């Protein structure tokens, strides 16, 4: 086990259960997980507050302290200013590492990671280039259950709902969104040398949490601790209408089940667009063949994706 931070990045498609995994890992006495930074890869790609040589300037501190998620760091703005002013020219990677060290000190833990869905899973090679020793955990969930969650999520407009085709068919949009993220994570994980990328299936995590937690600890090179399985104790809420995240539920199988909760037409559309990936991941498909009408509709959505999303180069 090394002490270099960031130590681990937890990534996945939104609505895949990453918040539950984050809470499990954060409960470990040696690891603190920052919730959804979002800025790390973005600021680096845009060279926000960096010199042409990639060195940190006070502008980066100002932009970061103004960012709405800065509060999750439990770090004072003055501490960041002092960090830049009282040190030799610092690379972006070293700067972020020092911030994570500060967070770990505040939490009383030596290792610090981050859980961010969406953007980070598409830029794992960038993060790996900055911290070659960092570990990556990719959580994968059956896309049809992800779709059920996305359709009822009030913040869907920040995810799949951002795409223009959402209004026409949110199921087709989510199928493309899910496949885009999962494929990005698989491809990005394969490019990571050293510790590599550890894939976790959501279904296994909720059905066999102890076994999966032990395997995860082995990958993270930390001893397993029972606290990972009791993260919810003292926090679970029973008020009606709460989401599983808001209720702080323990790992619970069956909260989403596309087999009983998803209309057949929606399942067919999802599988028309993402069925090959479902099969490749070992998920059983409901439709052996897609009807010509659904295939034609799916082709239009696939064409939109290829014209508007797929060709965009990774930054």
C-alpha atoms as a PDB file:
ATOM      1  CA  UNK A   1       0.000   0.000   0.000  1.00  0.00           C
ATOM      2  CA  UNK A   2       1.332   3.415  -0.985  1.00  0.00           C
ATOM      3  CA  UNK A   3       0.335   6.723   0.547  1.00  0.00           C
ATOM      4  CA  UNK A   4       0.110   8.707  -2.667  1.00  0.00           C
ATOM      5  CA  UNK A   5      -3.155  10.527  -3.261  1.00  0.00           C
ATOM      6  CA  UNK A   6      -5.441  10.504  -5.173  1.00  0.00           C
ATOM      7  CA  UNK A   7      -5.439   6.844  -4.307  1.00  0.00           C
ATOM      8  CA  UNK A   8      -8.592   5.618  -6.048  1.00  0.00           C
ATOM      9  CA  UNK A   9     -11.208   6.869  -8.479  1.00  0.00           C
ATOM     10  CA  UNK A  10     -14.668   5.273  -8.373  1.00  0.00           C
ATOM     11  CA  UNK A  11     -16.376   5.697 -11.747  1.00  0.00           C
ATOM     12  CA  UNK A  12     -19.486   4.489 -13.508  1.00  0.00           C
ATOM     13  CA  UNK A  13     -22.482   5.502 -15.547  1.00  0.00           C
ATOM     14  CA  UNK A  14     -24.862   7.720 -13.527  1.00  0.00           C
ATOM     15  CA  UNK A  15     -27.575   5.726 -11.691  1.00  0.00           C
ATOM     16  CA  UNK A  16     -25.398   2.612 -11.518  1.00  0.00           C
ATOM     17  CA  UNK A  17     -25.123   2.487  -7.720  1.00  0.00           C
ATOM     18  CA  UNK A  18     -21.826   4.322  -7.344  1.00  0.00           C
ATOM     19  CA  UNK A  19     -23.081   6.268  -4.313  1.00  0.00           C
ATOM     20  CA  UNK A  20     -23.604   3.006  -2.439  1.00  0.00           C
ATOM     21  CA  UNK A  21     -20.131   1.821  -3.406  1.00  0.00           C
ATOM     22  CA  UNK A  22     -18.693   5.187  -2.393  1.00  0.00           C
ATOM     23  CA  UNK A  23     -20.266   4.863   1.064  1.00  0.00           C
ATOM     24  CA  UNK A  24     -18.924   1.349   1.480  1.00  0.00           C
ATOM     25  CA  UNK A  25     -15.367   2.375   0.615  1.00  0.00           C
ATOM     26  CA  UNK A  26     -15.575   5.600   2.615  1.00  0.00           C
ATOM     27  CA  UNK A  27     -16.507   3.550   5.680  1.00  0.00           C
ATOM     28  CA  UNK A  28     -13.104   1.848   5.555  1.00  0.00           C
ATOM     29  CA  UNK A  29     -10.916   3.279   8.338  1.00  0.00           C
ATOM     30  CA  UNK A  30      -8.026   3.953   5.947  1.00  0.00           C
ATOM     31  CA  UNK A  31      -9.832   5.488   2.971  1.00  0.00           C
ATOM     32  CA  UNK A  32     -11.769   8.743   2.606  1.00  0.00           C
ATOM     33  CA  UNK A  33     -13.799   9.290  -0.568  1.00  0.00           C
ATOM     34  CA  UNK A  34     -14.618  12.791  -1.774  1.00  0.00           C
ATOM     35  CA  UNK A  35     -18.107  13.018  -3.242  1.00  0.00           C
ATOM     36  CA  UNK A  36     -18.338  14.126  -6.867  1.00  0.00           C
ATOM     37  CA  UNK A  37     -15.548  16.669  -7.443  1.00  0.00           C
ATOM     38  CA  UNK A  38     -16.206  16.916 -11.209  1.00  0.00           C
ATOM     39  CA  UNK A  39     -13.507  19.574 -11.675  1.00  0.00           C
ATOM     40  CA  UNK A  40     -10.288  17.548 -11.682  1.00  0.00           C
ATOM     41  CA  UNK A  41     -10.264  16.284 -15.273  1.00  0.00           C
ATOM     42  CA  UNK A  42     -12.173  19.302 -16.586  1.00  0.00           C
ATOM     43  CA  UNK A  43      -9.805  21.935 -15.230  1.00  0.00           C
ATOM     44  CA  UNK A  44      -6.793  20.028 -16.507  1.00  0.00           C
ATOM     45  CA  UNK A  45      -8.200  19.516 -20.014  1.00  0.00           C
ATOM     46  CA  UNK A  46      -9.073  23.203 -20.274  1.00  0.00           C
ATOM     47  CA  UNK A  47      -5.755  24.204 -18.635  1.00  0.00           C
ATOM     48  CA  UNK A  48      -7.671  26.350 -16.160  1.00  0.00           C
ATOM     49  CA  UNK A  49      -5.231  28.442 -14.120  1.00  0.00           C
ATOM     50  CA  UNK A  50      -2.163  26.695 -15.537  1.00  0.00           C
ATOM     51  CA  UNK A  51       0.857  28.073 -17.322  1.00  0.00           C
ATOM     52  CA  UNK A  52       1.859  26.805 -20.744  1.00  0.00           C
ATOM     53  CA  UNK A  53       4.293  24.521 -18.940  1.00  0.00           C
ATOM     54  CA  UNK A  54       1.412  23.091 -16.856  1.00  0.00           C
ATOM     55  CA  UNK A  55       2.334  24.818 -13.604  1.00  0.00           C
ATOM     56  CA  UNK A  56      -0.325  25.989 -11.141  1.00  0.00           C
ATOM     57  CA  UNK A  57      -1.051  29.708 -10.794  1.00  0.00           C
ATOM     58  CA  UNK A  58      -3.169  31.612  -8.239  1.00  0.00           C
ATOM     59  CA  UNK A  59      -5.908  31.802 -10.886  1.00  0.00           C
ATOM     60  CA  UNK A  60      -6.531  28.095 -10.424  1.00  0.00           C
ATOM     61  CA  UNK A  61      -7.021  28.625  -6.688  1.00  0.00           C
ATOM     62  CA  UNK A  62      -9.543  31.383  -7.356  1.00  0.00           C
ATOM     63  CA  UNK A  63     -11.479  29.308  -9.860  1.00  0.00           C
ATOM     64  CA  UNK A  64     -11.486  26.275  -7.609  1.00  0.00           C
ATOM     65  CA  UNK A  65     -12.586  28.171  -4.505  1.00  0.00           C
ATOM     66  CA  UNK A  66     -15.467  29.670  -6.501  1.00  0.00           C
ATOM     67  CA  UNK A  67     -16.555  26.293  -7.827  1.00  0.00           C
ATOM     68  CA  UNK A  68     -19.787  25.114  -6.200  1.00  0.00           C
ATOM     69  CA  UNK A  69     -18.369  21.718  -5.234  1.00  0.00           C
ATOM     70  CA  UNK A  70     -15.344  23.166  -3.481  1.00  0.00           C
ATOM     71  CA  UNK A  71     -17.153  22.797  -0.138  1.00  0.00           C
ATOM     72  CA  UNK A  72     -16.855  19.017  -0.363  1.00  0.00           C
ATOM     73  CA  UNK A  73     -13.104  19.317   0.078  1.00  0.00           C
ATOM     74  CA  UNK A  74     -13.216  20.616   3.668  1.00  0.00           C
ATOM     75  CA  UNK A  75     -10.257  22.810   2.720  1.00  0.00           C
ATOM     76  CA  UNK A  76     -10.035  26.563   3.292  1.00  0.00           C
ATOM     77  CA  UNK A  77      -9.361  28.859   0.353  1.00  0.00           C
ATOM     78  CA  UNK A  78      -6.483  30.427   2.272  1.00  0.00           C
ATOM     79  CA  UNK A  79      -4.870  27.011   2.646  1.00  0.00           C
ATOM     80  CA  UNK A  80      -4.842  26.697  -1.142  1.00  0.00           C
ATOM     81  CA  UNK A  81      -3.391  30.167  -1.581  1.00  0.00           C
ATOM     82  CA  UNK A  82      -0.678  29.377   0.944  1.00  0.00           C
ATOM     83  CA  UNK A  83       0.011  26.113  -0.843  1.00  0.00           C
ATOM     84  CA  UNK A  84       0.775  27.952  -4.083  1.00  0.00           C
ATOM     85  CA  UNK A  85       2.552  30.936  -2.516  1.00  0.00           C
ATOM     86  CA  UNK A  86       4.820  29.002  -0.166  1.00  0.00           C
ATOM     87  CA  UNK A  87       6.138  26.349  -2.517  1.00  0.00           C
ATOM     88  CA  UNK A  88       8.223  25.954  -5.624  1.00  0.00           C
ATOM     89  CA  UNK A  89       6.364  25.939  -8.967  1.00  0.00           C
ATOM     90  CA  UNK A  90       3.918  23.068  -8.726  1.00  0.00           C
ATOM     91  CA  UNK A  91       2.411  20.794 -11.364  1.00  0.00           C
ATOM     92  CA  UNK A  92      -1.329  20.262 -11.501  1.00  0.00           C
ATOM     93  CA  UNK A  93      -0.940  16.652 -10.362  1.00  0.00           C
ATOM     94  CA  UNK A  94       1.106  17.656  -7.322  1.00  0.00           C
ATOM     95  CA  UNK A  95      -1.375  20.415  -6.485  1.00  0.00           C
ATOM     96  CA  UNK A  96      -4.372  18.074  -6.499  1.00  0.00           C
ATOM     97  CA  UNK A  97      -2.408  15.497  -4.518  1.00  0.00           C
ATOM     98  CA  UNK A  98      -1.734  18.074  -1.804  1.00  0.00           C
ATOM     99  CA  UNK A  99      -5.442  18.957  -1.688  1.00  0.00           C
ATOM    100  CA  UNK A 100      -6.345  15.308  -1.271  1.00  0.00           C
ATOM    101  CA  UNK A 101      -3.736  15.014   1.484  1.00  0.00           C
ATOM    102  CA  UNK A 102      -5.398  17.950   3.269  1.00  0.00           C
ATOM    103  CA  UNK A 103      -8.786  16.286   2.956  1.00  0.00           C
ATOM    104  CA  UNK A 104      -7.391  13.044   4.327  1.00  0.00           C
ATOM    105  CA  UNK A 105      -5.894  14.861   7.292  1.00  0.00           C
ATOM    106  CA  UNK A 106      -9.272  16.447   8.017  1.00  0.00           C
ATOM    107  CA  UNK A 107     -10.936  13.018   7.846  1.00  0.00           C
ATOM    108  CA  UNK A 108      -8.169  11.284   9.800  1.00  0.00           C
ATOM    109  CA  UNK A 109      -7.368   8.862   6.971  1.00  0.00           C
ATOM    110  CA  UNK A 110      -4.134   8.413   4.977  1.00  0.00           C
ATOM    111  CA  UNK A 111      -5.721   7.415   1.656  1.00  0.00           C
ATOM    112  CA  UNK A 112      -8.117   9.610  -0.279  1.00  0.00           C
ATOM    113  CA  UNK A 113     -10.140   8.925  -3.402  1.00  0.00           C
ATOM    114  CA  UNK A 114     -12.939  10.412  -5.425  1.00  0.00           C
ATOM    115  CA  UNK A 115     -16.279   9.175  -6.704  1.00  0.00           C
ATOM    116  CA  UNK A 116     -17.479  10.988  -9.793  1.00  0.00           C
ATOM    117  CA  UNK A 117     -19.831   9.545 -12.406  1.00  0.00           C
ATOM    118  CA  UNK A 118     -20.119  10.656 -15.992  1.00  0.00           C
ATOM    119  CA  UNK A 119     -17.134  12.766 -16.971  1.00  0.00           C
ATOM    120  CA  UNK A 120     -14.377  10.794 -15.211  1.00  0.00           C
ATOM    121  CA  UNK A 121     -15.291   7.471 -16.750  1.00  0.00           C
ATOM    122  CA  UNK A 122     -14.748   9.055 -20.165  1.00  0.00           C
ATOM    123  CA  UNK A 123     -11.369  10.497 -19.176  1.00  0.00           C
ATOM    124  CA  UNK A 124      -9.725   7.723 -17.201  1.00  0.00           C
ATOM    125  CA  UNK A 125      -6.572   7.859 -19.377  1.00  0.00           C
ATOM    126  CA  UNK A 126      -6.181  11.554 -18.492  1.00  0.00           C
ATOM    127  CA  UNK A 127      -6.459  10.822 -14.782  1.00  0.00           C
ATOM    128  CA  UNK A 128      -4.074   7.888 -15.136  1.00  0.00           C
ATOM    129  CA  UNK A 129      -1.520  10.081 -16.892  1.00  0.00           C
ATOM    130  CA  UNK A 130      -1.602  12.471 -13.936  1.00  0.00           C
ATOM    131  CA  UNK A 131      -1.434   9.744 -11.271  1.00  0.00           C
ATOM    132  CA  UNK A 132      -0.033   6.510 -12.741  1.00  0.00           C
ATOM    133  CA  UNK A 133      -0.250   4.727  -9.395  1.00  0.00           C
ATOM    134  CA  UNK A 134      -3.906   5.561  -8.768  1.00  0.00           C
ATOM    135  CA  UNK A 135      -6.424   2.758  -8.751  1.00  0.00           C
ATOM    136  CA  UNK A 136      -9.678   2.784 -10.700  1.00  0.00           C
ATOM    137  CA  UNK A 137     -12.911   1.016  -9.767  1.00  0.00           C
ATOM    138  CA  UNK A 138     -15.550   0.784 -12.498  1.00  0.00           C
ATOM    139  CA  UNK A 139     -19.038  -0.146 -11.317  1.00  0.00           C
ATOM    140  CA  UNK A 140     -21.259  -1.705 -13.998  1.00  0.00           C
ATOM    141  CA  UNK A 141     -24.999  -2.256 -13.660  1.00  0.00           C
ATOM    142  CA  UNK A 142     -27.549  -3.808 -16.022  1.00  0.00           C
ATOM    143  CA  UNK A 143     -28.459  -0.920 -18.286  1.00  0.00           C
ATOM    144  CA  UNK A 144     -32.161  -1.671 -18.171  1.00  0.00           C
ATOM    145  CA  UNK A 145     -32.172  -1.149 -14.398  1.00  0.00           C
ATOM    146  CA  UNK A 146     -30.118   2.013 -14.919  1.00  0.00           C
ATOM    147  CA  UNK A 147     -32.832   3.124 -17.335  1.00  0.00           C
ATOM    148  CA  UNK A 148     -35.563   2.564 -14.747  1.00  0.00           C
ATOM    149  CA  UNK A 149     -33.646   4.721 -12.303  1.00  0.00           C
ATOM    150  CA  UNK A 150     -32.905   7.434 -14.871  1.00  0.00           C
ATOM    151  CA  UNK A 151     -36.558   7.730 -15.900  1.00  0.00           C
ATOM    152  CA  UNK A 152     -37.628   8.644 -12.353  1.00  0.00           C
ATOM    153  CA  UNK A 153     -34.565  10.712 -11.398  1.00  0.00           C
ATOM    154  CA  UNK A 154     -35.337  14.414 -10.813  1.00  0.00           C
ATOM    155  CA  UNK A 155     -31.840  15.300 -12.045  1.00  0.00           C
ATOM    156  CA  UNK A 156     -32.024  13.412 -15.335  1.00  0.00           C
ATOM    157  CA  UNK A 157     -31.572  16.721 -17.152  1.00  0.00           C
ATOM    158  CA  UNK A 158     -27.971  16.673 -15.894  1.00  0.00           C
ATOM    159  CA  UNK A 159     -27.351  13.275 -17.452  1.00  0.00           C
ATOM    160  CA  UNK A 160     -29.132  11.494 -20.311  1.00  0.00           C
ATOM    161  CA  UNK A 161     -31.824  14.182 -20.270  1.00  0.00           C
ATOM    162  CA  UNK A 162     -29.271  16.689 -21.578  1.00  0.00           C
ATOM    163  CA  UNK A 163     -29.399  15.141 -25.047  1.00  0.00           C
ATOM    164  CA  UNK A 164     -31.860  16.530 -27.579  1.00  0.00           C
ATOM    165  CA  UNK A 165     -33.406  13.117 -28.275  1.00  0.00           C
ATOM    166  CA  UNK A 166     -34.562  12.713 -24.639  1.00  0.00           C
ATOM    167  CA  UNK A 167     -37.899  14.404 -25.391  1.00  0.00           C
ATOM    168  CA  UNK A 168     -38.524  12.019 -28.281  1.00  0.00           C
ATOM    169  CA  UNK A 169     -37.687   8.817 -26.392  1.00  0.00           C
ATOM    170  CA  UNK A 170     -35.996   8.790 -22.972  1.00  0.00           C
ATOM    171  CA  UNK A 171     -35.548   5.010 -23.064  1.00  0.00           C
ATOM    172  CA  UNK A 172     -33.637   5.092 -26.350  1.00  0.00           C
ATOM    173  CA  UNK A 173     -31.615   8.036 -25.072  1.00  0.00           C
ATOM    174  CA  UNK A 174     -30.692   6.221 -21.865  1.00  0.00           C
ATOM    175  CA  UNK A 175     -29.706   3.092 -23.796  1.00  0.00           C
ATOM    176  CA  UNK A 176     -27.231   5.107 -25.855  1.00  0.00           C
ATOM    177  CA  UNK A 177     -26.081   7.071 -22.802  1.00  0.00           C
ATOM    178  CA  UNK A 178     -25.460   3.906 -20.770  1.00  0.00           C
ATOM    179  CA  UNK A 179     -23.626   2.107 -23.568  1.00  0.00           C
ATOM    180  CA  UNK A 180     -21.473   5.191 -24.233  1.00  0.00           C
ATOM    181  CA  UNK A 181     -20.372   5.388 -20.602  1.00  0.00           C
ATOM    182  CA  UNK A 182     -19.838   1.678 -20.055  1.00  0.00           C
ATOM    183  CA  UNK A 183     -17.836   1.238 -23.251  1.00  0.00           C
ATOM    184  CA  UNK A 184     -15.739   4.284 -22.332  1.00  0.00           C
ATOM    185  CA  UNK A 185     -15.043   2.745 -18.932  1.00  0.00           C
ATOM    186  CA  UNK A 186     -14.087  -0.624 -20.365  1.00  0.00           C
ATOM    187  CA  UNK A 187     -11.816   0.915 -22.993  1.00  0.00           C
ATOM    188  CA  UNK A 188     -10.291   3.332 -20.507  1.00  0.00           C
ATOM    189  CA  UNK A 189      -9.703   0.551 -17.997  1.00  0.00           C
ATOM    190  CA  UNK A 190      -7.863  -1.537 -20.564  1.00  0.00           C
ATOM    191  CA  UNK A 191      -5.479   1.347 -21.222  1.00  0.00           C
ATOM    192  CA  UNK A 192      -4.405   1.600 -17.589  1.00  0.00           C
ATOM    193  CA  UNK A 193      -1.093  -0.040 -16.753  1.00  0.00           C
ATOM    194  CA  UNK A 194       0.231  -0.759 -13.289  1.00  0.00           C
ATOM    195  CA  UNK A 195      -2.673  -1.390 -10.912  1.00  0.00           C
ATOM    196  CA  UNK A 196      -5.130  -1.623 -13.797  1.00  0.00           C
ATOM    197  CA  UNK A 197      -8.873  -1.158 -13.373  1.00  0.00           C
ATOM    198  CA  UNK A 198     -11.105  -3.240 -11.102  1.00  0.00           C
ATOM    199  CA  UNK A 199     -14.593  -3.907 -12.469  1.00  0.00           C
ATOM    200  CA  UNK A 200     -17.437  -4.491 -10.020  1.00  0.00           C
ATOM    201  CA  UNK A 201     -20.918  -5.644 -10.990  1.00  0.00           C
ATOM    202  CA  UNK A 202     -23.693  -3.927  -9.071  1.00  0.00           C
ATOM    203  CA  UNK A 203     -25.728  -7.116  -8.980  1.00  0.00           C
ATOM    204  CA  UNK A 204     -22.908  -9.047  -7.312  1.00  0.00           C
ATOM    205  CA  UNK A 205     -22.265  -6.175  -4.926  1.00  0.00           C
ATOM    206  CA  UNK A 206     -25.804  -6.217  -3.531  1.00  0.00           C
ATOM    207  CA  UNK A 207     -26.145 -10.002  -3.527  1.00  0.00           C
ATOM    208  CA  UNK A 208     -22.691 -10.834  -2.117  1.00  0.00           C
ATOM    209  CA  UNK A 209     -21.444  -7.617  -0.500  1.00  0.00           C
ATOM    210  CA  UNK A 210     -18.884  -9.261   1.772  1.00  0.00           C
ATOM    211  CA  UNK A 211     -17.288 -11.268  -1.019  1.00  0.00           C
ATOM    212  CA  UNK A 212     -17.160  -8.259  -3.343  1.00  0.00           C
ATOM    213  CA  UNK A 213     -15.836  -5.977  -0.599  1.00  0.00           C
ATOM    214  CA  UNK A 214     -13.019  -8.424   0.128  1.00  0.00           C
ATOM    215  CA  UNK A 215     -12.069  -8.591  -3.545  1.00  0.00           C
ATOM    216  CA  UNK A 216     -12.131  -4.814  -3.738  1.00  0.00           C
ATOM    217  CA  UNK A 217      -9.890  -4.478  -0.688  1.00  0.00           C
ATOM    218  CA  UNK A 218      -7.438  -6.914  -2.226  1.00  0.00           C
ATOM    219  CA  UNK A 219      -7.272  -4.720  -5.323  1.00  0.00           C
ATOM    220  CA  UNK A 220      -6.900  -1.575  -3.202  1.00  0.00           C
ATOM    221  CA  UNK A 221      -4.184  -3.280  -1.159  1.00  0.00           C
ATOM    222  CA  UNK A 222      -5.889  -2.586   2.169  1.00  0.00           C
ATOM    223  CA  UNK A 223      -7.189  -5.085   4.737  1.00  0.00           C
ATOM    224  CA  UNK A 224     -10.886  -5.846   4.628  1.00  0.00           C
ATOM    225  CA  UNK A 225     -12.900  -4.177   7.383  1.00  0.00           C
ATOM    226  CA  UNK A 226     -16.442  -4.998   8.514  1.00  0.00           C
ATOM    227  CA  UNK A 227     -17.262  -1.281   8.599  1.00  0.00           C
ATOM    228  CA  UNK A 228     -17.683  -1.467   4.827  1.00  0.00           C
ATOM    229  CA  UNK A 229     -20.786  -3.600   5.349  1.00  0.00           C
ATOM    230  CA  UNK A 230     -22.285  -1.512   8.147  1.00  0.00           C
ATOM    231  CA  UNK A 231     -21.913   1.943   6.547  1.00  0.00           C
ATOM    232  CA  UNK A 232     -25.676   2.437   6.720  1.00  0.00           C
ATOM    233  CA  UNK A 233     -26.127   1.702  10.418  1.00  0.00           C
ATOM    234  CA  UNK A 234     -27.441   4.688  12.327  1.00  0.00           C
ATOM    235  CA  UNK A 235     -28.226   6.534   9.098  1.00  0.00           C
ATOM    236  CA  UNK A 236     -31.024   4.512   7.486  1.00  0.00           C
ATOM    237  CA  UNK A 237     -34.250   6.512   7.177  1.00  0.00           C
ATOM    238  CA  UNK A 238     -37.736   5.098   6.796  1.00  0.00           C
ATOM    239  CA  UNK A 239     -39.783   8.103   5.655  1.00  0.00           C
ATOM    240  CA  UNK A 240     -41.957   7.313   2.616  1.00  0.00           C
ATOM    241  CA  UNK A 241     -40.930   8.659  -0.748  1.00  0.00           C
ATOM    242  CA  UNK A 242     -37.174   8.603  -0.172  1.00  0.00           C
ATOM    243  CA  UNK A 243     -34.849   7.277  -2.851  1.00  0.00           C
ATOM    244  CA  UNK A 244     -32.507   4.426  -1.871  1.00  0.00           C
ATOM    245  CA  UNK A 245     -29.659   6.971  -1.628  1.00  0.00           C
ATOM    246  CA  UNK A 246     -31.668   9.327   0.554  1.00  0.00           C
ATOM    247  CA  UNK A 247     -32.774   6.428   2.727  1.00  0.00           C
ATOM    248  CA  UNK A 248     -29.191   5.203   3.191  1.00  0.00           C
ATOM    249  CA  UNK A 249     -30.248   1.625   2.574  1.00  0.00           C
ATOM    250  CA  UNK A 250     -27.855  -1.317   2.952  1.00  0.00           C
ATOM    251  CA  UNK A 251     -27.061  -3.338  -0.185  1.00  0.00           C
ATOM    252  CA  UNK A 252     -30.554  -4.422  -1.224  1.00  0.00           C
ATOM    253  CA  UNK A 253     -31.228  -6.666  -4.244  1.00  0.00           C
ATOM    254  CA  UNK A 254     -34.306  -6.054  -6.344  1.00  0.00           C
ATOM    255  CA  UNK A 255     -34.903  -2.351  -5.775  1.00  0.00           C
ATOM    256  CA  UNK A 256     -34.937  -2.004  -9.553  1.00  0.00           C
ATOM    257  CA  UNK A 257     -35.989  -4.982 -11.674  1.00  0.00           C
ATOM    258  CA  UNK A 258     -36.543  -4.392 -15.355  1.00  0.00           C
ATOM    259  CA  UNK A 259     -38.163  -7.819 -15.702  1.00  0.00           C
ATOM    260  CA  UNK A 260     -41.189  -6.740 -13.647  1.00  0.00           C
ATOM    261  CA  UNK A 261     -41.000  -2.934 -13.722  1.00  0.00           C
ATOM    262  CA  UNK A 262     -40.217  -2.122 -17.367  1.00  0.00           C
ATOM    263  CA  UNK A 263     -42.706  -2.237 -20.203  1.00  0.00           C
ATOM    264  CA  UNK A 264     -41.965  -4.762 -22.928  1.00  0.00           C
ATOM    265  CA  UNK A 265     -41.764  -2.082 -25.610  1.00  0.00           C
ATOM    266  CA  UNK A 266     -39.207  -0.157 -23.599  1.00  0.00           C
ATOM    267  CA  UNK A 267     -37.132  -3.289 -23.055  1.00  0.00           C
ATOM    268  CA  UNK A 268     -37.175  -3.999 -26.782  1.00  0.00           C
ATOM    269  CA  UNK A 269     -36.066  -0.462 -27.650  1.00  0.00           C
ATOM    270  CA  UNK A 270     -33.280  -0.580 -25.077  1.00  0.00           C
ATOM    271  CA  UNK A 271     -32.033  -3.917 -26.372  1.00  0.00           C
ATOM    272  CA  UNK A 272     -32.245  -2.703 -29.971  1.00  0.00           C
ATOM    273  CA  UNK A 273     -29.659  -0.049 -29.115  1.00  0.00           C
ATOM    274  CA  UNK A 274     -27.584  -1.679 -26.379  1.00  0.00           C
ATOM    275  CA  UNK A 275     -28.364  -5.376 -26.618  1.00  0.00           C
ATOM    276  CA  UNK A 276     -24.947  -6.328 -27.968  1.00  0.00           C
ATOM    277  CA  UNK A 277     -23.244  -4.729 -24.973  1.00  0.00           C
ATOM    278  CA  UNK A 278     -25.690  -6.374 -22.562  1.00  0.00           C
ATOM    279  CA  UNK A 279     -24.820  -9.748 -24.065  1.00  0.00           C
ATOM    280  CA  UNK A 280     -21.092  -9.051 -24.011  1.00  0.00           C
ATOM    281  CA  UNK A 281     -21.345  -8.267 -20.308  1.00  0.00           C
ATOM    282  CA  UNK A 282     -23.242 -11.500 -19.663  1.00  0.00           C
ATOM    283  CA  UNK A 283     -26.678  -9.986 -19.071  1.00  0.00           C
ATOM    284  CA  UNK A 284     -29.570 -12.036 -20.430  1.00  0.00           C
ATOM    285  CA  UNK A 285     -31.622 -10.384 -23.143  1.00  0.00           C
ATOM    286  CA  UNK A 286     -35.399 -10.576 -23.302  1.00  0.00           C
ATOM    287  CA  UNK A 287     -35.631 -10.359 -27.094  1.00  0.00           C
ATOM    288  CA  UNK A 288     -33.871 -12.785 -29.404  1.00  0.00           C
ATOM    289  CA  UNK A 289     -34.863 -10.604 -32.351  1.00  0.00           C
ATOM    290  CA  UNK A 290     -35.963  -6.985 -32.634  1.00  0.00           C
ATOM    291  CA  UNK A 291     -39.054  -6.152 -34.691  1.00  0.00           C
ATOM    292  CA  UNK A 292     -38.560  -4.223 -37.946  1.00  0.00           C
ATOM    293  CA  UNK A 293     -40.522  -1.238 -36.614  1.00  0.00           C
ATOM    294  CA  UNK A 294     -38.430  -0.917 -33.448  1.00  0.00           C
ATOM    295  CA  UNK A 295     -35.235  -1.514 -35.439  1.00  0.00           C
ATOM    296  CA  UNK A 296     -36.100   1.354 -37.776  1.00  0.00           C
ATOM    297  CA  UNK A 297     -36.840   3.710 -34.899  1.00  0.00           C
ATOM    298  CA  UNK A 298     -33.666   2.653 -33.100  1.00  0.00           C
ATOM    299  CA  UNK A 299     -31.625   3.322 -36.233  1.00  0.00           C
ATOM    300  CA  UNK A 300     -32.719   6.958 -36.203  1.00  0.00           C
ATOM    301  CA  UNK A 301     -31.555   7.400 -32.625  1.00  0.00           C
ATOM    302  CA  UNK A 302     -28.293   5.606 -33.387  1.00  0.00           C
ATOM    303  CA  UNK A 303     -27.749   7.907 -36.360  1.00  0.00           C
ATOM    304  CA  UNK A 304     -28.251  10.945 -34.124  1.00  0.00           C
ATOM    305  CA  UNK A 305     -25.731   9.574 -31.634  1.00  0.00           C
ATOM    306  CA  UNK A 306     -23.133   8.904 -34.307  1.00  0.00           C
ATOM    307  CA  UNK A 307     -23.607  12.379 -35.757  1.00  0.00           C
ATOM    308  CA  UNK A 308     -23.607  14.305 -32.483  1.00  0.00           C
ATOM    309  CA  UNK A 309     -21.671  12.318 -29.864  1.00  0.00           C
ATOM    310  CA  UNK A 310     -19.589   9.432 -31.163  1.00  0.00           C
ATOM    311  CA  UNK A 311     -17.258  11.460 -33.432  1.00  0.00           C
ATOM    312  CA  UNK A 312     -16.320  13.913 -30.705  1.00  0.00           C
ATOM    313  CA  UNK A 313     -12.642  13.330 -29.846  1.00  0.00           C
ATOM    314  CA  UNK A 314     -11.579  12.784 -26.274  1.00  0.00           C
ATOM    315  CA  UNK A 315      -9.875  15.828 -24.866  1.00  0.00           C
END
